[in-house]
């Protein structure tokens, strides 16, 4: 039977160093860590996870609660979390809270019962019950995409600036009636993208018309209904910003059903780029979020929290990129 001592001898390090690599209990230089990993693979060493958890009171598992089944955006975040967890020797337990506060609380309780070391959560619009559970049991957690206040570790993309950039670009194309299909009320992403929309109007010297902002509740069906309502206005908008990828699909469905061609009769720009945005006709101008990086960053924040429980909470914002295509009404690749 291969032992930890055998691994240490093959890698040319101490048994303690092998233990630190396996348990992620101390910083080990990347070259040394790689040598230990190589030795483990060559010798076929299998670490006893159960024994480790009994000694350290850790399970080396992370709980992830995101509504990936209803929001494709979270799929890439999941990939980033998974990659980050595996790179540090952690397993991943996933649940789908369905963006519902009651289901969210049940999901977090389930992860807690499974004794995960910490959680990464995309909170709902009403997360108070879930936050109360985490606080009561002192569960380490990092929040992603939607912010819940500065007392927590959290990571998200920039929202206001990129949304303002979309609006300003449409205004530069001559549009003065620019509508917004907004997200679910209560989410920080909704609040910030709405603020960005207003900033973009102000930057372009355009008035804010309340009738041009309708919630699509962050889902395709809600965006369909919101877009239909916008099309019934006496003075229709000539450009539309959708505040996430699911709502972009709903808006496109409504525009197609009404025979409104994009961009000839309605320019369109959206928050959230996605893998098939480049195959639509017209190709969709979109803000691309660093989804995978958000997931990987969340893992790093959580591991830092586990290593230093009393450290000050951090909020990390990552930059987005405007992917310019043709749905905004100008040739792809041009922003003038």
C-alpha atoms as a PDB file:
ATOM      1  CA  UNK A   1       0.000   0.000   0.000  1.00  0.00           C
ATOM      2  CA  UNK A   2       1.367   3.387  -0.996  1.00  0.00           C
ATOM      3  CA  UNK A   3       1.770   5.753   1.946  1.00  0.00           C
ATOM      4  CA  UNK A   4       2.251   9.485   2.367  1.00  0.00           C
ATOM      5  CA  UNK A   5       5.878   8.765   3.214  1.00  0.00           C
ATOM      6  CA  UNK A   6       6.322   7.107  -0.193  1.00  0.00           C
ATOM      7  CA  UNK A   7       4.879  10.202  -1.883  1.00  0.00           C
ATOM      8  CA  UNK A   8       7.190  12.487   0.100  1.00  0.00           C
ATOM      9  CA  UNK A   9      10.234  10.408  -0.826  1.00  0.00           C
ATOM     10  CA  UNK A  10       9.339  10.413  -4.541  1.00  0.00           C
ATOM     11  CA  UNK A  11       8.671  14.173  -4.587  1.00  0.00           C
ATOM     12  CA  UNK A  12      11.761  14.981  -2.524  1.00  0.00           C
ATOM     13  CA  UNK A  13       9.804  16.825   0.158  1.00  0.00           C
ATOM     14  CA  UNK A  14       8.777  16.269   3.761  1.00  0.00           C
ATOM     15  CA  UNK A  15       5.670  14.333   4.811  1.00  0.00           C
ATOM     16  CA  UNK A  16       4.374  17.583   6.292  1.00  0.00           C
ATOM     17  CA  UNK A  17       4.590  19.267   2.873  1.00  0.00           C
ATOM     18  CA  UNK A  18       2.633  16.405   1.297  1.00  0.00           C
ATOM     19  CA  UNK A  19       0.007  16.840   4.005  1.00  0.00           C
ATOM     20  CA  UNK A  20      -0.223  20.580   3.369  1.00  0.00           C
ATOM     21  CA  UNK A  21      -0.732  19.946  -0.353  1.00  0.00           C
ATOM     22  CA  UNK A  22      -3.424  17.351   0.255  1.00  0.00           C
ATOM     23  CA  UNK A  23      -5.256  19.319   2.932  1.00  0.00           C
ATOM     24  CA  UNK A  24      -4.576  22.816   1.554  1.00  0.00           C
ATOM     25  CA  UNK A  25      -3.610  23.902   5.079  1.00  0.00           C
ATOM     26  CA  UNK A  26      -0.603  26.059   4.194  1.00  0.00           C
ATOM     27  CA  UNK A  27       0.809  27.842   1.170  1.00  0.00           C
ATOM     28  CA  UNK A  28       3.063  25.571  -0.885  1.00  0.00           C
ATOM     29  CA  UNK A  29       5.060  26.874  -3.848  1.00  0.00           C
ATOM     30  CA  UNK A  30       3.387  25.920  -7.152  1.00  0.00           C
ATOM     31  CA  UNK A  31       6.467  23.975  -8.331  1.00  0.00           C
ATOM     32  CA  UNK A  32       6.536  21.951  -5.103  1.00  0.00           C
ATOM     33  CA  UNK A  33       2.789  21.384  -5.224  1.00  0.00           C
ATOM     34  CA  UNK A  34       3.131  20.135  -8.794  1.00  0.00           C
ATOM     35  CA  UNK A  35       5.936  17.746  -7.788  1.00  0.00           C
ATOM     36  CA  UNK A  36       3.760  16.305  -5.032  1.00  0.00           C
ATOM     37  CA  UNK A  37       0.798  15.935  -7.400  1.00  0.00           C
ATOM     38  CA  UNK A  38       3.029  14.174  -9.942  1.00  0.00           C
ATOM     39  CA  UNK A  39       4.291  11.779  -7.282  1.00  0.00           C
ATOM     40  CA  UNK A  40       0.741  11.026  -6.160  1.00  0.00           C
ATOM     41  CA  UNK A  41      -0.263  10.206  -9.731  1.00  0.00           C
ATOM     42  CA  UNK A  42       2.837   8.118 -10.451  1.00  0.00           C
ATOM     43  CA  UNK A  43       2.474   6.051  -7.295  1.00  0.00           C
ATOM     44  CA  UNK A  44      -1.306   5.801  -7.382  1.00  0.00           C
ATOM     45  CA  UNK A  45      -1.650   7.183  -3.855  1.00  0.00           C
ATOM     46  CA  UNK A  46      -5.242   7.554  -2.596  1.00  0.00           C
ATOM     47  CA  UNK A  47      -5.875   9.977   0.232  1.00  0.00           C
ATOM     48  CA  UNK A  48      -8.365   8.932   2.919  1.00  0.00           C
ATOM     49  CA  UNK A  49     -10.847  11.799   2.769  1.00  0.00           C
ATOM     50  CA  UNK A  50     -13.005  10.423   5.561  1.00  0.00           C
ATOM     51  CA  UNK A  51     -10.056  10.117   7.946  1.00  0.00           C
ATOM     52  CA  UNK A  52      -8.921  13.608   7.016  1.00  0.00           C
ATOM     53  CA  UNK A  53     -12.345  15.066   7.787  1.00  0.00           C
ATOM     54  CA  UNK A  54     -12.395  13.382  11.208  1.00  0.00           C
ATOM     55  CA  UNK A  55      -9.015  14.872  12.103  1.00  0.00           C
ATOM     56  CA  UNK A  56      -9.526  18.375  10.667  1.00  0.00           C
ATOM     57  CA  UNK A  57     -13.317  18.737  11.104  1.00  0.00           C
ATOM     58  CA  UNK A  58     -13.336  19.662   7.430  1.00  0.00           C
ATOM     59  CA  UNK A  59     -14.952  17.748   4.583  1.00  0.00           C
ATOM     60  CA  UNK A  60     -13.033  19.555   1.840  1.00  0.00           C
ATOM     61  CA  UNK A  61     -16.296  20.187   0.046  1.00  0.00           C
ATOM     62  CA  UNK A  62     -17.926  23.405  -1.166  1.00  0.00           C
ATOM     63  CA  UNK A  63     -21.651  23.968  -1.583  1.00  0.00           C
ATOM     64  CA  UNK A  64     -22.810  25.892  -4.662  1.00  0.00           C
ATOM     65  CA  UNK A  65     -26.333  27.307  -4.816  1.00  0.00           C
ATOM     66  CA  UNK A  66     -27.164  28.877  -8.194  1.00  0.00           C
ATOM     67  CA  UNK A  67     -30.223  28.735 -10.430  1.00  0.00           C
ATOM     68  CA  UNK A  68     -28.338  27.298 -13.393  1.00  0.00           C
ATOM     69  CA  UNK A  69     -31.353  25.415 -14.776  1.00  0.00           C
ATOM     70  CA  UNK A  70     -33.305  28.638 -15.338  1.00  0.00           C
ATOM     71  CA  UNK A  71     -30.428  31.008 -16.157  1.00  0.00           C
ATOM     72  CA  UNK A  72     -27.741  29.936 -18.669  1.00  0.00           C
ATOM     73  CA  UNK A  73     -25.470  32.693 -17.376  1.00  0.00           C
ATOM     74  CA  UNK A  74     -24.830  30.680 -14.223  1.00  0.00           C
ATOM     75  CA  UNK A  75     -23.604  27.683 -16.219  1.00  0.00           C
ATOM     76  CA  UNK A  76     -20.289  29.406 -16.937  1.00  0.00           C
ATOM     77  CA  UNK A  77     -20.024  30.531 -13.317  1.00  0.00           C
ATOM     78  CA  UNK A  78     -20.510  26.899 -12.307  1.00  0.00           C
ATOM     79  CA  UNK A  79     -17.630  25.911 -14.579  1.00  0.00           C
ATOM     80  CA  UNK A  80     -15.393  28.492 -12.920  1.00  0.00           C
ATOM     81  CA  UNK A  81     -16.358  27.348  -9.416  1.00  0.00           C
ATOM     82  CA  UNK A  82     -15.818  23.711 -10.349  1.00  0.00           C
ATOM     83  CA  UNK A  83     -12.389  24.411 -11.841  1.00  0.00           C
ATOM     84  CA  UNK A  84     -11.333  26.452  -8.814  1.00  0.00           C
ATOM     85  CA  UNK A  85     -12.587  23.838  -6.345  1.00  0.00           C
ATOM     86  CA  UNK A  86     -10.876  20.952  -8.094  1.00  0.00           C
ATOM     87  CA  UNK A  87      -7.616  22.883  -8.383  1.00  0.00           C
ATOM     88  CA  UNK A  88      -7.532  23.156  -4.586  1.00  0.00           C
ATOM     89  CA  UNK A  89      -8.633  19.580  -3.898  1.00  0.00           C
ATOM     90  CA  UNK A  90     -12.259  20.369  -3.027  1.00  0.00           C
ATOM     91  CA  UNK A  91     -15.353  18.495  -4.133  1.00  0.00           C
ATOM     92  CA  UNK A  92     -18.480  20.397  -5.136  1.00  0.00           C
ATOM     93  CA  UNK A  93     -22.071  19.874  -4.032  1.00  0.00           C
ATOM     94  CA  UNK A  94     -24.639  21.808  -6.084  1.00  0.00           C
ATOM     95  CA  UNK A  95     -28.256  22.771  -5.512  1.00  0.00           C
ATOM     96  CA  UNK A  96     -30.669  24.918  -7.510  1.00  0.00           C
ATOM     97  CA  UNK A  97     -32.552  27.453  -5.347  1.00  0.00           C
ATOM     98  CA  UNK A  98     -34.758  28.437  -8.335  1.00  0.00           C
ATOM     99  CA  UNK A  99     -34.467  32.130  -7.376  1.00  0.00           C
ATOM    100  CA  UNK A 100     -37.181  31.478  -4.783  1.00  0.00           C
ATOM    101  CA  UNK A 101     -36.577  32.585  -1.155  1.00  0.00           C
ATOM    102  CA  UNK A 102     -38.298  29.574   0.408  1.00  0.00           C
ATOM    103  CA  UNK A 103     -36.547  27.079  -1.849  1.00  0.00           C
ATOM    104  CA  UNK A 104     -33.290  28.978  -1.332  1.00  0.00           C
ATOM    105  CA  UNK A 105     -33.482  28.456   2.441  1.00  0.00           C
ATOM    106  CA  UNK A 106     -34.149  24.729   1.982  1.00  0.00           C
ATOM    107  CA  UNK A 107     -31.205  24.451  -0.419  1.00  0.00           C
ATOM    108  CA  UNK A 108     -28.817  26.157   1.992  1.00  0.00           C
ATOM    109  CA  UNK A 109     -30.038  24.002   4.871  1.00  0.00           C
ATOM    110  CA  UNK A 110     -29.427  20.906   2.762  1.00  0.00           C
ATOM    111  CA  UNK A 111     -25.853  21.962   1.993  1.00  0.00           C
ATOM    112  CA  UNK A 112     -25.299  22.729   5.668  1.00  0.00           C
ATOM    113  CA  UNK A 113     -26.545  19.261   6.646  1.00  0.00           C
ATOM    114  CA  UNK A 114     -24.023  17.793   4.206  1.00  0.00           C
ATOM    115  CA  UNK A 115     -21.303  19.529   6.265  1.00  0.00           C
ATOM    116  CA  UNK A 116     -19.766  21.521   3.440  1.00  0.00           C
ATOM    117  CA  UNK A 117     -16.881  23.709   4.600  1.00  0.00           C
ATOM    118  CA  UNK A 118     -18.424  26.785   3.005  1.00  0.00           C
ATOM    119  CA  UNK A 119     -20.898  27.933   0.387  1.00  0.00           C
ATOM    120  CA  UNK A 120     -20.989  30.005  -2.789  1.00  0.00           C
ATOM    121  CA  UNK A 121     -24.460  31.431  -3.364  1.00  0.00           C
ATOM    122  CA  UNK A 122     -26.266  33.543  -5.966  1.00  0.00           C
ATOM    123  CA  UNK A 123     -28.912  35.027  -3.636  1.00  0.00           C
ATOM    124  CA  UNK A 124     -32.557  35.586  -4.456  1.00  0.00           C
ATOM    125  CA  UNK A 125     -34.289  38.963  -4.380  1.00  0.00           C
ATOM    126  CA  UNK A 126     -35.406  38.260  -0.786  1.00  0.00           C
ATOM    127  CA  UNK A 127     -32.478  36.496   0.900  1.00  0.00           C
ATOM    128  CA  UNK A 128     -33.132  37.474   4.538  1.00  0.00           C
ATOM    129  CA  UNK A 129     -34.146  33.980   5.740  1.00  0.00           C
ATOM    130  CA  UNK A 130     -31.141  32.385   4.059  1.00  0.00           C
ATOM    131  CA  UNK A 131     -28.775  35.041   5.447  1.00  0.00           C
ATOM    132  CA  UNK A 132     -30.241  34.478   8.912  1.00  0.00           C
ATOM    133  CA  UNK A 133     -29.476  30.760   8.718  1.00  0.00           C
ATOM    134  CA  UNK A 134     -25.889  31.363   7.645  1.00  0.00           C
ATOM    135  CA  UNK A 135     -25.362  33.908  10.428  1.00  0.00           C
ATOM    136  CA  UNK A 136     -26.933  31.730  13.111  1.00  0.00           C
ATOM    137  CA  UNK A 137     -24.664  28.790  12.343  1.00  0.00           C
ATOM    138  CA  UNK A 138     -21.588  30.841  11.329  1.00  0.00           C
ATOM    139  CA  UNK A 139     -21.414  29.235   7.886  1.00  0.00           C
ATOM    140  CA  UNK A 140     -18.645  30.727   5.693  1.00  0.00           C
ATOM    141  CA  UNK A 141     -20.162  31.968   2.441  1.00  0.00           C
ATOM    142  CA  UNK A 142     -19.366  34.024  -0.638  1.00  0.00           C
ATOM    143  CA  UNK A 143     -22.122  35.663  -2.665  1.00  0.00           C
ATOM    144  CA  UNK A 144     -21.883  35.924  -6.434  1.00  0.00           C
ATOM    145  CA  UNK A 145     -23.534  38.109  -9.062  1.00  0.00           C
ATOM    146  CA  UNK A 146     -26.086  39.685  -6.692  1.00  0.00           C
ATOM    147  CA  UNK A 147     -24.772  41.723  -3.760  1.00  0.00           C
ATOM    148  CA  UNK A 148     -26.231  41.439  -0.257  1.00  0.00           C
ATOM    149  CA  UNK A 149     -24.322  44.175   1.588  1.00  0.00           C
ATOM    150  CA  UNK A 150     -20.779  45.018   2.539  1.00  0.00           C
ATOM    151  CA  UNK A 151     -20.669  42.705   5.586  1.00  0.00           C
ATOM    152  CA  UNK A 152     -20.125  39.672   3.332  1.00  0.00           C
ATOM    153  CA  UNK A 153     -17.553  38.375   0.880  1.00  0.00           C
ATOM    154  CA  UNK A 154     -18.974  38.771  -2.607  1.00  0.00           C
ATOM    155  CA  UNK A 155     -17.952  38.984  -6.241  1.00  0.00           C
ATOM    156  CA  UNK A 156     -19.814  40.324  -9.239  1.00  0.00           C
ATOM    157  CA  UNK A 157     -19.347  42.095 -12.540  1.00  0.00           C
ATOM    158  CA  UNK A 158     -19.552  45.827 -13.056  1.00  0.00           C
ATOM    159  CA  UNK A 159     -23.150  46.693 -13.956  1.00  0.00           C
ATOM    160  CA  UNK A 160     -23.747  50.432 -14.109  1.00  0.00           C
ATOM    161  CA  UNK A 161     -20.931  51.480 -16.446  1.00  0.00           C
ATOM    162  CA  UNK A 162     -21.491  48.780 -19.094  1.00  0.00           C
ATOM    163  CA  UNK A 163     -25.259  49.413 -19.174  1.00  0.00           C
ATOM    164  CA  UNK A 164     -24.654  53.150 -19.562  1.00  0.00           C
ATOM    165  CA  UNK A 165     -22.288  52.330 -22.424  1.00  0.00           C
ATOM    166  CA  UNK A 166     -25.008  50.350 -24.232  1.00  0.00           C
ATOM    167  CA  UNK A 167     -27.487  53.213 -23.893  1.00  0.00           C
ATOM    168  CA  UNK A 168     -24.961  55.858 -24.935  1.00  0.00           C
ATOM    169  CA  UNK A 169     -24.035  53.812 -27.996  1.00  0.00           C
ATOM    170  CA  UNK A 170     -27.670  53.524 -29.080  1.00  0.00           C
ATOM    171  CA  UNK A 171     -28.136  57.258 -28.525  1.00  0.00           C
ATOM    172  CA  UNK A 172     -25.082  57.933 -30.681  1.00  0.00           C
ATOM    173  CA  UNK A 173     -26.847  56.028 -33.469  1.00  0.00           C
ATOM    174  CA  UNK A 174     -29.620  58.635 -33.328  1.00  0.00           C
ATOM    175  CA  UNK A 175     -32.109  56.887 -31.028  1.00  0.00           C
ATOM    176  CA  UNK A 176     -34.011  59.129 -28.618  1.00  0.00           C
ATOM    177  CA  UNK A 177     -36.621  56.598 -27.436  1.00  0.00           C
ATOM    178  CA  UNK A 178     -34.549  53.857 -25.790  1.00  0.00           C
ATOM    179  CA  UNK A 179     -36.433  51.305 -23.676  1.00  0.00           C
ATOM    180  CA  UNK A 180     -35.193  48.949 -20.961  1.00  0.00           C
ATOM    181  CA  UNK A 181     -36.553  45.500 -20.163  1.00  0.00           C
ATOM    182  CA  UNK A 182     -35.377  45.382 -16.558  1.00  0.00           C
ATOM    183  CA  UNK A 183     -34.717  42.439 -14.254  1.00  0.00           C
ATOM    184  CA  UNK A 184     -36.462  41.136 -11.163  1.00  0.00           C
ATOM    185  CA  UNK A 185     -37.062  43.887  -8.579  1.00  0.00           C
ATOM    186  CA  UNK A 186     -34.980  43.436  -5.442  1.00  0.00           C
ATOM    187  CA  UNK A 187     -31.860  42.089  -7.124  1.00  0.00           C
ATOM    188  CA  UNK A 188     -28.777  44.290  -6.938  1.00  0.00           C
ATOM    189  CA  UNK A 189     -28.125  43.588 -10.620  1.00  0.00           C
ATOM    190  CA  UNK A 190     -31.546  45.019 -11.481  1.00  0.00           C
ATOM    191  CA  UNK A 191     -30.974  48.143  -9.397  1.00  0.00           C
ATOM    192  CA  UNK A 192     -27.496  48.756 -10.793  1.00  0.00           C
ATOM    193  CA  UNK A 193     -28.390  48.160 -14.437  1.00  0.00           C
ATOM    194  CA  UNK A 194     -31.376  50.481 -14.087  1.00  0.00           C
ATOM    195  CA  UNK A 195     -29.029  53.108 -12.651  1.00  0.00           C
ATOM    196  CA  UNK A 196     -26.690  52.524 -15.605  1.00  0.00           C
ATOM    197  CA  UNK A 197     -29.570  52.952 -18.038  1.00  0.00           C
ATOM    198  CA  UNK A 198     -30.377  56.333 -16.495  1.00  0.00           C
ATOM    199  CA  UNK A 199     -26.716  57.337 -16.565  1.00  0.00           C
ATOM    200  CA  UNK A 200     -26.583  56.525 -20.259  1.00  0.00           C
ATOM    201  CA  UNK A 201     -29.630  58.694 -20.941  1.00  0.00           C
ATOM    202  CA  UNK A 202     -28.130  61.576 -18.968  1.00  0.00           C
ATOM    203  CA  UNK A 203     -24.828  61.223 -20.786  1.00  0.00           C
ATOM    204  CA  UNK A 204     -26.680  61.515 -24.092  1.00  0.00           C
ATOM    205  CA  UNK A 205     -28.834  64.420 -22.896  1.00  0.00           C
ATOM    206  CA  UNK A 206     -32.042  62.376 -23.168  1.00  0.00           C
ATOM    207  CA  UNK A 207     -34.966  62.599 -20.723  1.00  0.00           C
ATOM    208  CA  UNK A 208     -36.003  59.613 -18.622  1.00  0.00           C
ATOM    209  CA  UNK A 209     -39.451  58.418 -19.750  1.00  0.00           C
ATOM    210  CA  UNK A 210     -40.890  56.049 -17.081  1.00  0.00           C
ATOM    211  CA  UNK A 211     -43.113  54.247 -19.589  1.00  0.00           C
ATOM    212  CA  UNK A 212     -40.005  52.984 -21.384  1.00  0.00           C
ATOM    213  CA  UNK A 213     -38.845  50.897 -18.403  1.00  0.00           C
ATOM    214  CA  UNK A 214     -40.760  47.657 -17.809  1.00  0.00           C
ATOM    215  CA  UNK A 215     -39.694  44.707 -15.674  1.00  0.00           C
ATOM    216  CA  UNK A 216     -39.227  41.378 -17.405  1.00  0.00           C
ATOM    217  CA  UNK A 217     -38.639  39.680 -14.016  1.00  0.00           C
ATOM    218  CA  UNK A 218     -35.312  38.286 -15.320  1.00  0.00           C
ATOM    219  CA  UNK A 219     -37.100  35.562 -17.313  1.00  0.00           C
ATOM    220  CA  UNK A 220     -37.964  35.063 -20.994  1.00  0.00           C
ATOM    221  CA  UNK A 221     -41.782  34.987 -20.532  1.00  0.00           C
ATOM    222  CA  UNK A 222     -41.700  38.212 -18.521  1.00  0.00           C
ATOM    223  CA  UNK A 223     -39.558  39.862 -21.188  1.00  0.00           C
ATOM    224  CA  UNK A 224     -41.985  38.759 -23.902  1.00  0.00           C
ATOM    225  CA  UNK A 225     -44.836  40.464 -22.068  1.00  0.00           C
ATOM    226  CA  UNK A 226     -42.747  43.579 -21.339  1.00  0.00           C
ATOM    227  CA  UNK A 227     -41.752  43.906 -25.001  1.00  0.00           C
ATOM    228  CA  UNK A 228     -45.355  43.474 -26.159  1.00  0.00           C
ATOM    229  CA  UNK A 229     -46.375  46.287 -23.818  1.00  0.00           C
ATOM    230  CA  UNK A 230     -43.642  48.542 -25.164  1.00  0.00           C
ATOM    231  CA  UNK A 231     -44.887  47.912 -28.704  1.00  0.00           C
ATOM    232  CA  UNK A 232     -48.388  49.123 -27.750  1.00  0.00           C
ATOM    233  CA  UNK A 233     -47.171  52.589 -26.722  1.00  0.00           C
ATOM    234  CA  UNK A 234     -48.451  55.464 -28.839  1.00  0.00           C
ATOM    235  CA  UNK A 235     -44.850  56.498 -29.334  1.00  0.00           C
ATOM    236  CA  UNK A 236     -42.894  53.273 -29.592  1.00  0.00           C
ATOM    237  CA  UNK A 237     -39.253  53.014 -28.646  1.00  0.00           C
ATOM    238  CA  UNK A 238     -36.844  52.620 -31.532  1.00  0.00           C
ATOM    239  CA  UNK A 239     -34.167  50.873 -29.469  1.00  0.00           C
ATOM    240  CA  UNK A 240     -34.276  48.304 -26.710  1.00  0.00           C
ATOM    241  CA  UNK A 241     -31.834  47.239 -23.977  1.00  0.00           C
ATOM    242  CA  UNK A 242     -32.454  43.879 -22.295  1.00  0.00           C
ATOM    243  CA  UNK A 243     -30.938  43.359 -18.864  1.00  0.00           C
ATOM    244  CA  UNK A 244     -29.980  39.666 -19.069  1.00  0.00           C
ATOM    245  CA  UNK A 245     -29.668  36.866 -21.612  1.00  0.00           C
ATOM    246  CA  UNK A 246     -32.930  35.091 -20.762  1.00  0.00           C
ATOM    247  CA  UNK A 247     -34.854  38.322 -21.302  1.00  0.00           C
ATOM    248  CA  UNK A 248     -33.052  38.896 -24.590  1.00  0.00           C
ATOM    249  CA  UNK A 249     -34.567  35.645 -25.875  1.00  0.00           C
ATOM    250  CA  UNK A 250     -38.039  36.684 -24.693  1.00  0.00           C
ATOM    251  CA  UNK A 251     -37.739  40.120 -26.278  1.00  0.00           C
ATOM    252  CA  UNK A 252     -36.631  38.639 -29.595  1.00  0.00           C
ATOM    253  CA  UNK A 253     -39.574  36.235 -29.537  1.00  0.00           C
ATOM    254  CA  UNK A 254     -42.002  39.109 -28.963  1.00  0.00           C
ATOM    255  CA  UNK A 255     -40.432  41.254 -31.691  1.00  0.00           C
ATOM    256  CA  UNK A 256     -40.540  38.400 -34.178  1.00  0.00           C
ATOM    257  CA  UNK A 257     -44.175  37.632 -33.363  1.00  0.00           C
ATOM    258  CA  UNK A 258     -45.051  41.284 -33.945  1.00  0.00           C
ATOM    259  CA  UNK A 259     -43.149  41.408 -37.236  1.00  0.00           C
ATOM    260  CA  UNK A 260     -40.684  44.003 -35.901  1.00  0.00           C
ATOM    261  CA  UNK A 261     -37.353  43.488 -37.643  1.00  0.00           C
ATOM    262  CA  UNK A 262     -34.082  43.940 -35.736  1.00  0.00           C
ATOM    263  CA  UNK A 263     -32.317  46.320 -36.235  1.00  0.00           C
ATOM    264  CA  UNK A 264     -34.326  47.923 -39.069  1.00  0.00           C
ATOM    265  CA  UNK A 265     -37.349  48.735 -36.928  1.00  0.00           C
ATOM    266  CA  UNK A 266     -35.926  48.118 -33.467  1.00  0.00           C
ATOM    267  CA  UNK A 267     -32.275  48.301 -32.472  1.00  0.00           C
ATOM    268  CA  UNK A 268     -31.326  45.853 -29.740  1.00  0.00           C
ATOM    269  CA  UNK A 269     -28.441  45.644 -27.276  1.00  0.00           C
ATOM    270  CA  UNK A 270     -28.285  43.294 -24.333  1.00  0.00           C
ATOM    271  CA  UNK A 271     -26.533  42.693 -21.038  1.00  0.00           C
ATOM    272  CA  UNK A 272     -25.020  39.165 -20.917  1.00  0.00           C
ATOM    273  CA  UNK A 273     -23.277  37.750 -23.916  1.00  0.00           C
ATOM    274  CA  UNK A 274     -23.898  34.051 -24.480  1.00  0.00           C
ATOM    275  CA  UNK A 275     -22.551  31.324 -26.704  1.00  0.00           C
ATOM    276  CA  UNK A 276     -25.218  31.506 -29.387  1.00  0.00           C
ATOM    277  CA  UNK A 277     -25.478  35.317 -29.540  1.00  0.00           C
ATOM    278  CA  UNK A 278     -23.101  35.262 -32.497  1.00  0.00           C
ATOM    279  CA  UNK A 279     -25.326  32.931 -34.567  1.00  0.00           C
ATOM    280  CA  UNK A 280     -28.536  34.984 -34.403  1.00  0.00           C
ATOM    281  CA  UNK A 281     -29.469  37.110 -37.378  1.00  0.00           C
ATOM    282  CA  UNK A 282     -28.716  39.860 -36.729  1.00  0.00           C
ATOM    283  CA  UNK A 283     -25.799  39.037 -34.464  1.00  0.00           C
ATOM    284  CA  UNK A 284     -26.364  40.432 -31.001  1.00  0.00           C
ATOM    285  CA  UNK A 285     -24.462  43.370 -29.552  1.00  0.00           C
ATOM    286  CA  UNK A 286     -23.934  42.461 -25.908  1.00  0.00           C
ATOM    287  CA  UNK A 287     -22.068  43.104 -22.680  1.00  0.00           C
ATOM    288  CA  UNK A 288     -19.950  40.051 -21.881  1.00  0.00           C
ATOM    289  CA  UNK A 289     -19.527  39.281 -18.194  1.00  0.00           C
ATOM    290  CA  UNK A 290     -16.399  37.459 -16.935  1.00  0.00           C
ATOM    291  CA  UNK A 291     -18.572  34.559 -15.761  1.00  0.00           C
ATOM    292  CA  UNK A 292     -15.899  31.910 -15.348  1.00  0.00           C
ATOM    293  CA  UNK A 293     -13.607  34.377 -13.586  1.00  0.00           C
ATOM    294  CA  UNK A 294     -16.430  35.250 -11.185  1.00  0.00           C
ATOM    295  CA  UNK A 295     -16.681  31.579 -10.233  1.00  0.00           C
ATOM    296  CA  UNK A 296     -12.937  31.134  -9.803  1.00  0.00           C
ATOM    297  CA  UNK A 297     -12.674  34.338  -7.758  1.00  0.00           C
ATOM    298  CA  UNK A 298     -15.507  33.190  -5.498  1.00  0.00           C
ATOM    299  CA  UNK A 299     -13.574  30.012  -4.692  1.00  0.00           C
ATOM    300  CA  UNK A 300     -10.456  32.023  -3.813  1.00  0.00           C
ATOM    301  CA  UNK A 301     -12.470  34.327  -1.551  1.00  0.00           C
ATOM    302  CA  UNK A 302     -14.054  31.358   0.204  1.00  0.00           C
ATOM    303  CA  UNK A 303     -10.739  29.590   0.763  1.00  0.00           C
ATOM    304  CA  UNK A 304      -9.290  32.830   2.154  1.00  0.00           C
ATOM    305  CA  UNK A 305     -12.276  33.055   4.507  1.00  0.00           C
ATOM    306  CA  UNK A 306     -11.770  29.450   5.657  1.00  0.00           C
ATOM    307  CA  UNK A 307      -8.078  30.131   6.301  1.00  0.00           C
ATOM    308  CA  UNK A 308      -8.737  33.446   8.095  1.00  0.00           C
ATOM    309  CA  UNK A 309     -12.282  33.493   9.541  1.00  0.00           C
ATOM    310  CA  UNK A 310     -11.806  36.947  11.115  1.00  0.00           C
ATOM    311  CA  UNK A 311     -10.508  38.745   8.034  1.00  0.00           C
ATOM    312  CA  UNK A 312     -12.430  41.808   6.790  1.00  0.00           C
ATOM    313  CA  UNK A 313     -15.106  41.027   4.184  1.00  0.00           C
ATOM    314  CA  UNK A 314     -14.302  41.854   0.584  1.00  0.00           C
ATOM    315  CA  UNK A 315     -16.387  42.861  -2.396  1.00  0.00           C
ATOM    316  CA  UNK A 316     -14.716  42.215  -5.758  1.00  0.00           C
ATOM    317  CA  UNK A 317     -16.060  43.734  -8.971  1.00  0.00           C
ATOM    318  CA  UNK A 318     -14.755  42.485 -12.295  1.00  0.00           C
ATOM    319  CA  UNK A 319     -14.828  44.451 -15.570  1.00  0.00           C
ATOM    320  CA  UNK A 320     -17.095  43.557 -18.483  1.00  0.00           C
ATOM    321  CA  UNK A 321     -16.480  43.915 -22.215  1.00  0.00           C
ATOM    322  CA  UNK A 322     -18.736  45.263 -24.957  1.00  0.00           C
ATOM    323  CA  UNK A 323     -19.005  42.725 -27.775  1.00  0.00           C
ATOM    324  CA  UNK A 324     -20.049  44.831 -30.754  1.00  0.00           C
ATOM    325  CA  UNK A 325     -22.080  43.056 -33.417  1.00  0.00           C
ATOM    326  CA  UNK A 326     -24.921  44.224 -35.678  1.00  0.00           C
ATOM    327  CA  UNK A 327     -28.225  44.143 -33.729  1.00  0.00           C
ATOM    328  CA  UNK A 328     -27.615  47.731 -32.599  1.00  0.00           C
ATOM    329  CA  UNK A 329     -27.960  48.922 -36.162  1.00  0.00           C
ATOM    330  CA  UNK A 330     -24.380  49.468 -37.304  1.00  0.00           C
ATOM    331  CA  UNK A 331     -21.828  47.142 -38.907  1.00  0.00           C
ATOM    332  CA  UNK A 332     -20.352  44.576 -36.549  1.00  0.00           C
ATOM    333  CA  UNK A 333     -16.969  45.578 -35.193  1.00  0.00           C
ATOM    334  CA  UNK A 334     -17.718  49.301 -35.356  1.00  0.00           C
ATOM    335  CA  UNK A 335     -18.673  51.410 -32.360  1.00  0.00           C
ATOM    336  CA  UNK A 336     -18.845  54.806 -34.060  1.00  0.00           C
END
